[in-house]
Amino acid sequence: MSNINGWDGSKLEIDEDGQYILAPQMGAGEKNADNTFTGLVMGKAVNGDITQNGLMGYYHGKQSIFLDAETGGATFG
């Protein structure tokens, strides 16, 4: 936890031994033919005046799941 607590929260950081990676946001998925995203994003996401922090799933650009890291709440569908 000392590595996480020492991180400034704003940039990508990889320790010199390659044992951890910290970033404000990480994603995995695919870009669809219509230029939308299907996959998962973990971290902080800002969309207009809405900020979410947690795990977000998208299907063709529309959010399909949200696991809220702050409240423990979950939204599916």
PDB file of N, CA and C in Angstrom:
ATOM      1  N   MET A   1       0.806  -1.202   0.000  1.00  0.00           N
ATOM      2  CA  MET A   1       0.000   0.000   0.000  1.00  0.00           C
ATOM      3  C   MET A   1       0.851   1.267   0.000  1.00  0.00           C
ATOM      4  N   SER A   2       2.080   1.210   0.454  1.00  0.00           N
ATOM      5  CA  SER A   2       2.900   2.420   0.478  1.00  0.00           C
ATOM      6  C   SER A   2       3.144   2.946  -0.936  1.00  0.00           C
ATOM      7  N   ASN A   3       3.251   2.052  -1.926  1.00  0.00           N
ATOM      8  CA  ASN A   3       3.422   2.500  -3.312  1.00  0.00           C
ATOM      9  C   ASN A   3       2.193   3.254  -3.792  1.00  0.00           C
ATOM     10  N   ILE A   4       1.013   2.745  -3.483  1.00  0.00           N
ATOM     11  CA  ILE A   4      -0.219   3.412  -3.893  1.00  0.00           C
ATOM     12  C   ILE A   4      -0.365   4.738  -3.157  1.00  0.00           C
ATOM     13  N   ASN A   5      -0.109   4.750  -1.871  1.00  0.00           N
ATOM     14  CA  ASN A   5      -0.233   5.980  -1.097  1.00  0.00           C
ATOM     15  C   ASN A   5       0.774   7.042  -1.530  1.00  0.00           C
ATOM     16  N   GLY A   6       1.931   6.642  -2.037  1.00  0.00           N
ATOM     17  CA  GLY A   6       2.947   7.580  -2.482  1.00  0.00           C
ATOM     18  C   GLY A   6       2.758   8.087  -3.900  1.00  0.00           C
ATOM     19  N   TRP A   7       1.851   7.468  -4.658  1.00  0.00           N
ATOM     20  CA  TRP A   7       1.601   7.841  -6.047  1.00  0.00           C
ATOM     21  C   TRP A   7       0.846   9.158  -6.109  1.00  0.00           C
ATOM     22  N   ASP A   8       1.171  10.041  -7.073  1.00  0.00           N
ATOM     23  CA  ASP A   8       0.510  11.349  -7.143  1.00  0.00           C
ATOM     24  C   ASP A   8      -0.882  11.289  -7.780  1.00  0.00           C
ATOM     25  N   GLY A   9      -1.267  10.164  -8.358  1.00  0.00           N
ATOM     26  CA  GLY A   9      -2.614   9.982  -8.882  1.00  0.00           C
ATOM     27  C   GLY A   9      -2.878  10.577 -10.246  1.00  0.00           C
ATOM     28  N   SER A  10      -1.867  11.173 -10.872  1.00  0.00           N
ATOM     29  CA  SER A  10      -2.136  11.876 -12.125  1.00  0.00           C
ATOM     30  C   SER A  10      -1.360  11.361 -13.328  1.00  0.00           C
ATOM     31  N   LYS A  11      -0.415  10.453 -13.123  1.00  0.00           N
ATOM     32  CA  LYS A  11       0.388  10.006 -14.260  1.00  0.00           C
ATOM     33  C   LYS A  11       0.683   8.519 -14.156  1.00  0.00           C
ATOM     34  N   LEU A  12       1.114   7.957 -15.265  1.00  0.00           N
ATOM     35  CA  LEU A  12       1.516   6.560 -15.309  1.00  0.00           C
ATOM     36  C   LEU A  12       2.818   6.387 -14.545  1.00  0.00           C
ATOM     37  N   GLU A  13       2.859   5.402 -13.687  1.00  0.00           N
ATOM     38  CA  GLU A  13       4.085   5.116 -12.933  1.00  0.00           C
ATOM     39  C   GLU A  13       4.343   3.617 -12.954  1.00  0.00           C
ATOM     40  N   ILE A  14       5.553   3.244 -13.338  1.00  0.00           N
ATOM     41  CA  ILE A  14       5.990   1.854 -13.325  1.00  0.00           C
ATOM     42  C   ILE A  14       7.232   1.798 -12.456  1.00  0.00           C
ATOM     43  N   ASP A  15       7.234   0.913 -11.454  1.00  0.00           N
ATOM     44  CA  ASP A  15       8.404   0.878 -10.576  1.00  0.00           C
ATOM     45  C   ASP A  15       9.611   0.317 -11.328  1.00  0.00           C
ATOM     46  N   GLU A  16      10.791   0.592 -10.834  1.00  0.00           N
ATOM     47  CA  GLU A  16      12.028   0.224 -11.534  1.00  0.00           C
ATOM     48  C   GLU A  16      12.205  -1.277 -11.683  1.00  0.00           C
ATOM     49  N   ASP A  17      11.535  -2.079 -10.862  1.00  0.00           N
ATOM     50  CA  ASP A  17      11.632  -3.533 -10.975  1.00  0.00           C
ATOM     51  C   ASP A  17      10.479  -4.129 -11.781  1.00  0.00           C
ATOM     52  N   GLY A  18       9.583  -3.298 -12.273  1.00  0.00           N
ATOM     53  CA  GLY A  18       8.452  -3.768 -13.059  1.00  0.00           C
ATOM     54  C   GLY A  18       7.431  -4.546 -12.255  1.00  0.00           C
ATOM     55  N   GLN A  19       7.378  -4.290 -10.940  1.00  0.00           N
ATOM     56  CA  GLN A  19       6.474  -5.045 -10.085  1.00  0.00           C
ATOM     57  C   GLN A  19       5.081  -4.440  -9.996  1.00  0.00           C
ATOM     58  N   TYR A  20       4.916  -3.173 -10.343  1.00  0.00           N
ATOM     59  CA  TYR A  20       3.583  -2.584 -10.313  1.00  0.00           C
ATOM     60  C   TYR A  20       3.467  -1.471 -11.351  1.00  0.00           C
ATOM     61  N   ILE A  21       2.246  -1.229 -11.777  1.00  0.00           N
ATOM     62  CA  ILE A  21       1.906  -0.135 -12.682  1.00  0.00           C
ATOM     63  C   ILE A  21       0.738   0.605 -12.046  1.00  0.00           C
ATOM     64  N   LEU A  22       0.838   1.913 -11.958  1.00  0.00           N
ATOM     65  CA  LEU A  22      -0.253   2.750 -11.458  1.00  0.00           C
ATOM     66  C   LEU A  22      -0.613   3.763 -12.539  1.00  0.00           C
ATOM     67  N   ALA A  23      -1.895   3.947 -12.773  1.00  0.00           N
ATOM     68  CA  ALA A  23      -2.369   4.899 -13.776  1.00  0.00           C
ATOM     69  C   ALA A  23      -3.749   5.383 -13.364  1.00  0.00           C
ATOM     70  N   PRO A  24      -4.133   6.607 -13.754  1.00  0.00           N
ATOM     71  CA  PRO A  24      -5.462   7.107 -13.414  1.00  0.00           C
ATOM     72  C   PRO A  24      -6.577   6.280 -14.044  1.00  0.00           C
ATOM     73  N   GLN A  25      -6.296   5.669 -15.206  1.00  0.00           N
ATOM     74  CA  GLN A  25      -7.305   4.877 -15.893  1.00  0.00           C
ATOM     75  C   GLN A  25      -6.633   3.829 -16.758  1.00  0.00           C
ATOM     76  N   MET A  26      -7.221   2.628 -16.772  1.00  0.00           N
ATOM     77  CA  MET A  26      -6.733   1.547 -17.629  1.00  0.00           C
ATOM     78  C   MET A  26      -7.932   0.931 -18.329  1.00  0.00           C
ATOM     79  N   GLY A  27      -7.740   0.510 -19.554  1.00  0.00           N
ATOM     80  CA  GLY A  27      -8.837  -0.094 -20.292  1.00  0.00           C
ATOM     81  C   GLY A  27      -8.376  -1.268 -21.119  1.00  0.00           C
ATOM     82  N   ALA A  28      -9.314  -2.155 -21.406  1.00  0.00           N
ATOM     83  CA  ALA A  28      -9.063  -3.294 -22.275  1.00  0.00           C
ATOM     84  C   ALA A  28     -10.350  -3.574 -23.040  1.00  0.00           C
ATOM     85  N   GLY A  29     -10.209  -3.790 -24.316  1.00  0.00           N
ATOM     86  CA  GLY A  29     -11.382  -4.076 -25.124  1.00  0.00           C
ATOM     87  C   GLY A  29     -11.060  -3.905 -26.590  1.00  0.00           C
ATOM     88  N   GLU A  30     -12.077  -3.511 -27.350  1.00  0.00           N
ATOM     89  CA  GLU A  30     -11.877  -3.353 -28.783  1.00  0.00           C
ATOM     90  C   GLU A  30     -12.616  -2.128 -29.303  1.00  0.00           C
ATOM     91  N   LYS A  31     -12.096  -1.574 -30.356  1.00  0.00           N
ATOM     92  CA  LYS A  31     -12.747  -0.478 -31.060  1.00  0.00           C
ATOM     93  C   LYS A  31     -13.612  -1.115 -32.134  1.00  0.00           C
ATOM     94  N   ASN A  32     -14.893  -0.809 -32.141  1.00  0.00           N
ATOM     95  CA  ASN A  32     -15.818  -1.392 -33.092  1.00  0.00           C
ATOM     96  C   ASN A  32     -15.764  -0.662 -34.434  1.00  0.00           C
ATOM     97  N   ALA A  33     -16.323  -1.271 -35.469  1.00  0.00           N
ATOM     98  CA  ALA A  33     -16.307  -0.695 -36.812  1.00  0.00           C
ATOM     99  C   ALA A  33     -16.974   0.674 -36.856  1.00  0.00           C
ATOM    100  N   ASP A  34     -17.935   0.921 -35.948  1.00  0.00           N
ATOM    101  CA  ASP A  34     -18.622   2.221 -35.904  1.00  0.00           C
ATOM    102  C   ASP A  34     -17.921   3.224 -34.996  1.00  0.00           C
ATOM    103  N   ASN A  35     -16.644   2.954 -34.635  1.00  0.00           N
ATOM    104  CA  ASN A  35     -15.790   3.818 -33.821  1.00  0.00           C
ATOM    105  C   ASN A  35     -16.248   3.918 -32.367  1.00  0.00           C
ATOM    106  N   THR A  36     -16.978   2.916 -31.872  1.00  0.00           N
ATOM    107  CA  THR A  36     -17.358   2.861 -30.469  1.00  0.00           C
ATOM    108  C   THR A  36     -16.470   1.844 -29.769  1.00  0.00           C
ATOM    109  N   PHE A  37     -16.532   1.818 -28.441  1.00  0.00           N
ATOM    110  CA  PHE A  37     -15.679   0.949 -27.632  1.00  0.00           C
ATOM    111  C   PHE A  37     -16.520  -0.123 -26.953  1.00  0.00           C
ATOM    112  N   THR A  38     -16.040  -1.355 -26.977  1.00  0.00           N
ATOM    113  CA  THR A  38     -16.620  -2.456 -26.215  1.00  0.00           C
ATOM    114  C   THR A  38     -15.507  -3.035 -25.352  1.00  0.00           C
ATOM    115  N   GLY A  39     -15.710  -3.031 -24.030  1.00  0.00           N
ATOM    116  CA  GLY A  39     -14.696  -3.554 -23.127  1.00  0.00           C
ATOM    117  C   GLY A  39     -14.870  -2.995 -21.732  1.00  0.00           C
ATOM    118  N   LEU A  40     -13.783  -3.026 -20.968  1.00  0.00           N
ATOM    119  CA  LEU A  40     -13.788  -2.582 -19.577  1.00  0.00           C
ATOM    120  C   LEU A  40     -12.801  -1.445 -19.372  1.00  0.00           C
ATOM    121  N   VAL A  41     -13.175  -0.514 -18.525  1.00  0.00           N
ATOM    122  CA  VAL A  41     -12.299   0.578 -18.111  1.00  0.00           C
ATOM    123  C   VAL A  41     -12.284   0.575 -16.586  1.00  0.00           C
ATOM    124  N   MET A  42     -11.100   0.682 -16.013  1.00  0.00           N
ATOM    125  CA  MET A  42     -10.956   0.717 -14.558  1.00  0.00           C
ATOM    126  C   MET A  42     -10.263   2.012 -14.175  1.00  0.00           C
ATOM    127  N   GLY A  43     -10.811   2.705 -13.199  1.00  0.00           N
ATOM    128  CA  GLY A  43     -10.216   3.943 -12.724  1.00  0.00           C
ATOM    129  C   GLY A  43     -11.230   5.060 -12.699  1.00  0.00           C
ATOM    130  N   LYS A  44     -10.749   6.266 -12.941  1.00  0.00           N
ATOM    131  CA  LYS A  44     -11.601   7.463 -12.897  1.00  0.00           C
ATOM    132  C   LYS A  44     -11.992   7.843 -14.321  1.00  0.00           C
ATOM    133  N   ALA A  45     -13.296   8.042 -14.532  1.00  0.00           N
ATOM    134  CA  ALA A  45     -13.801   8.463 -15.838  1.00  0.00           C
ATOM    135  C   ALA A  45     -14.674   9.697 -15.648  1.00  0.00           C
ATOM    136  N   VAL A  46     -14.432  10.704 -16.467  1.00  0.00           N
ATOM    137  CA  VAL A  46     -15.213  11.939 -16.414  1.00  0.00           C
ATOM    138  C   VAL A  46     -15.973  12.054 -17.720  1.00  0.00           C
ATOM    139  N   ASN A  47     -17.292  12.197 -17.607  1.00  0.00           N
ATOM    140  CA  ASN A  47     -18.149  12.366 -18.771  1.00  0.00           C
ATOM    141  C   ASN A  47     -19.048  13.575 -18.510  1.00  0.00           C
ATOM    142  N   GLY A  48     -18.655  14.722 -19.040  1.00  0.00           N
ATOM    143  CA  GLY A  48     -19.389  15.962 -18.765  1.00  0.00           C
ATOM    144  C   GLY A  48     -19.246  16.347 -17.309  1.00  0.00           C
ATOM    145  N   ASP A  49     -20.370  16.448 -16.598  1.00  0.00           N
ATOM    146  CA  ASP A  49     -20.323  16.794 -15.177  1.00  0.00           C
ATOM    147  C   ASP A  49     -20.418  15.573 -14.272  1.00  0.00           C
ATOM    148  N   ILE A  50     -20.350  14.362 -14.861  1.00  0.00           N
ATOM    149  CA  ILE A  50     -20.413  13.116 -14.084  1.00  0.00           C
ATOM    150  C   ILE A  50     -19.018  12.512 -13.989  1.00  0.00           C
ATOM    151  N   THR A  51     -18.569  12.248 -12.767  1.00  0.00           N
ATOM    152  CA  THR A  51     -17.299  11.572 -12.536  1.00  0.00           C
ATOM    153  C   THR A  51     -17.581  10.237 -11.865  1.00  0.00           C
ATOM    154  N   GLN A  52     -17.005   9.167 -12.418  1.00  0.00           N
ATOM    155  CA  GLN A  52     -17.156   7.841 -11.844  1.00  0.00           C
ATOM    156  C   GLN A  52     -15.775   7.301 -11.530  1.00  0.00           C
ATOM    157  N   ASN A  53     -15.687   6.511 -10.463  1.00  0.00           N
ATOM    158  CA  ASN A  53     -14.435   5.890 -10.073  1.00  0.00           C
ATOM    159  C   ASN A  53     -14.730   4.442  -9.731  1.00  0.00           C
ATOM    160  N   GLY A  54     -14.200   3.533 -10.523  1.00  0.00           N
ATOM    161  CA  GLY A  54     -14.451   2.113 -10.299  1.00  0.00           C
ATOM    162  C   GLY A  54     -14.197   1.314 -11.560  1.00  0.00           C
ATOM    163  N   LEU A  55     -15.052   0.327 -11.805  1.00  0.00           N
ATOM    164  CA  LEU A  55     -14.949  -0.541 -12.976  1.00  0.00           C
ATOM    165  C   LEU A  55     -16.183  -0.312 -13.837  1.00  0.00           C
ATOM    166  N   MET A  56     -15.950   0.067 -15.090  1.00  0.00           N
ATOM    167  CA  MET A  56     -17.039   0.375 -15.998  1.00  0.00           C
ATOM    168  C   MET A  56     -16.956  -0.518 -17.220  1.00  0.00           C
ATOM    169  N   GLY A  57     -18.074  -1.101 -17.604  1.00  0.00           N
ATOM    170  CA  GLY A  57     -18.138  -1.930 -18.799  1.00  0.00           C
ATOM    171  C   GLY A  57     -18.943  -1.231 -19.867  1.00  0.00           C
ATOM    172  N   TYR A  58     -18.499  -1.357 -21.112  1.00  0.00           N
ATOM    173  CA  TYR A  58     -19.167  -0.705 -22.233  1.00  0.00           C
ATOM    174  C   TYR A  58     -19.445  -1.718 -23.341  1.00  0.00           C
ATOM    175  N   TYR A  59     -20.567  -1.543 -24.004  1.00  0.00           N
ATOM    176  CA  TYR A  59     -20.910  -2.325 -25.181  1.00  0.00           C
ATOM    177  C   TYR A  59     -21.300  -1.350 -26.276  1.00  0.00           C
ATOM    178  N   HIS A  60     -20.515  -1.312 -27.327  1.00  0.00           N
ATOM    179  CA  HIS A  60     -20.719  -0.379 -28.435  1.00  0.00           C
ATOM    180  C   HIS A  60     -20.926   1.056 -27.942  1.00  0.00           C
ATOM    181  N   GLY A  61     -20.072   1.470 -27.010  1.00  0.00           N
ATOM    182  CA  GLY A  61     -20.053   2.856 -26.546  1.00  0.00           C
ATOM    183  C   GLY A  61     -21.039   3.202 -25.451  1.00  0.00           C
ATOM    184  N   LYS A  62     -21.920   2.299 -25.106  1.00  0.00           N
ATOM    185  CA  LYS A  62     -22.900   2.563 -24.048  1.00  0.00           C
ATOM    186  C   LYS A  62     -22.506   1.786 -22.798  1.00  0.00           C
ATOM    187  N   GLN A  63     -22.547   2.468 -21.668  1.00  0.00           N
ATOM    188  CA  GLN A  63     -22.162   1.818 -20.415  1.00  0.00           C
ATOM    189  C   GLN A  63     -23.157   0.722 -20.060  1.00  0.00           C
ATOM    190  N   SER A  64     -22.631  -0.470 -19.786  1.00  0.00           N
ATOM    191  CA  SER A  64     -23.485  -1.610 -19.456  1.00  0.00           C
ATOM    192  C   SER A  64     -23.318  -2.070 -18.014  1.00  0.00           C
ATOM    193  N   ILE A  65     -22.181  -1.784 -17.389  1.00  0.00           N
ATOM    194  CA  ILE A  65     -21.993  -2.095 -15.962  1.00  0.00           C
ATOM    195  C   ILE A  65     -21.186  -0.988 -15.299  1.00  0.00           C
ATOM    196  N   PHE A  66     -21.390  -0.845 -14.003  1.00  0.00           N
ATOM    197  CA  PHE A  66     -20.587   0.078 -13.207  1.00  0.00           C
ATOM    198  C   PHE A  66     -20.478  -0.474 -11.791  1.00  0.00           C
ATOM    199  N   LEU A  67     -19.260  -0.721 -11.348  1.00  0.00           N
ATOM    200  CA  LEU A  67     -18.977  -1.100  -9.968  1.00  0.00           C
ATOM    201  C   LEU A  67     -18.300   0.094  -9.325  1.00  0.00           C
ATOM    202  N   ASP A  68     -18.994   0.756  -8.410  1.00  0.00           N
ATOM    203  CA  ASP A  68     -18.551   2.014  -7.817  1.00  0.00           C
ATOM    204  C   ASP A  68     -17.522   1.752  -6.718  1.00  0.00           C
ATOM    205  N   ALA A  69     -16.290   2.229  -6.919  1.00  0.00           N
ATOM    206  CA  ALA A  69     -15.223   2.031  -5.944  1.00  0.00           C
ATOM    207  C   ALA A  69     -15.433   2.857  -4.679  1.00  0.00           C
ATOM    208  N   GLU A  70     -16.211   3.921  -4.748  1.00  0.00           N
ATOM    209  CA  GLU A  70     -16.415   4.791  -3.611  1.00  0.00           C
ATOM    210  C   GLU A  70     -17.522   4.302  -2.685  1.00  0.00           C
ATOM    211  N   THR A  71     -18.608   3.792  -3.261  1.00  0.00           N
ATOM    212  CA  THR A  71     -19.756   3.391  -2.421  1.00  0.00           C
ATOM    213  C   THR A  71     -19.959   1.893  -2.328  1.00  0.00           C
ATOM    214  N   GLY A  72     -19.340   1.137  -3.240  1.00  0.00           N
ATOM    215  CA  GLY A  72     -19.561  -0.305  -3.283  1.00  0.00           C
ATOM    216  C   GLY A  72     -20.819  -0.663  -4.043  1.00  0.00           C
ATOM    217  N   GLY A  73     -21.511   0.330  -4.587  1.00  0.00           N
ATOM    218  CA  GLY A  73     -22.731   0.085  -5.354  1.00  0.00           C
ATOM    219  C   GLY A  73     -22.415  -0.532  -6.698  1.00  0.00           C
ATOM    220  N   ALA A  74     -23.415  -1.150  -7.309  1.00  0.00           N
ATOM    221  CA  ALA A  74     -23.256  -1.778  -8.608  1.00  0.00           C
ATOM    222  C   ALA A  74     -24.480  -1.505  -9.472  1.00  0.00           C
ATOM    223  N   THR A  75     -24.225  -1.254 -10.764  1.00  0.00           N
ATOM    224  CA  THR A  75     -25.285  -1.052 -11.738  1.00  0.00           C
ATOM    225  C   THR A  75     -25.025  -1.998 -12.887  1.00  0.00           C
ATOM    226  N   PHE A  76     -26.022  -2.784 -13.244  1.00  0.00           N
ATOM    227  CA  PHE A  76     -25.906  -3.729 -14.361  1.00  0.00           C
ATOM    228  C   PHE A  76     -27.016  -3.444 -15.348  1.00  0.00           C
ATOM    229  N   GLY A  77     -26.655  -3.409 -16.626  1.00  0.00           N
ATOM    230  CA  GLY A  77     -27.659  -3.219 -17.671  1.00  0.00           C
ATOM    231  C   GLY A  77     -27.868  -1.769 -18.023  1.00  0.00           C
TER     232      GLY A  77
END
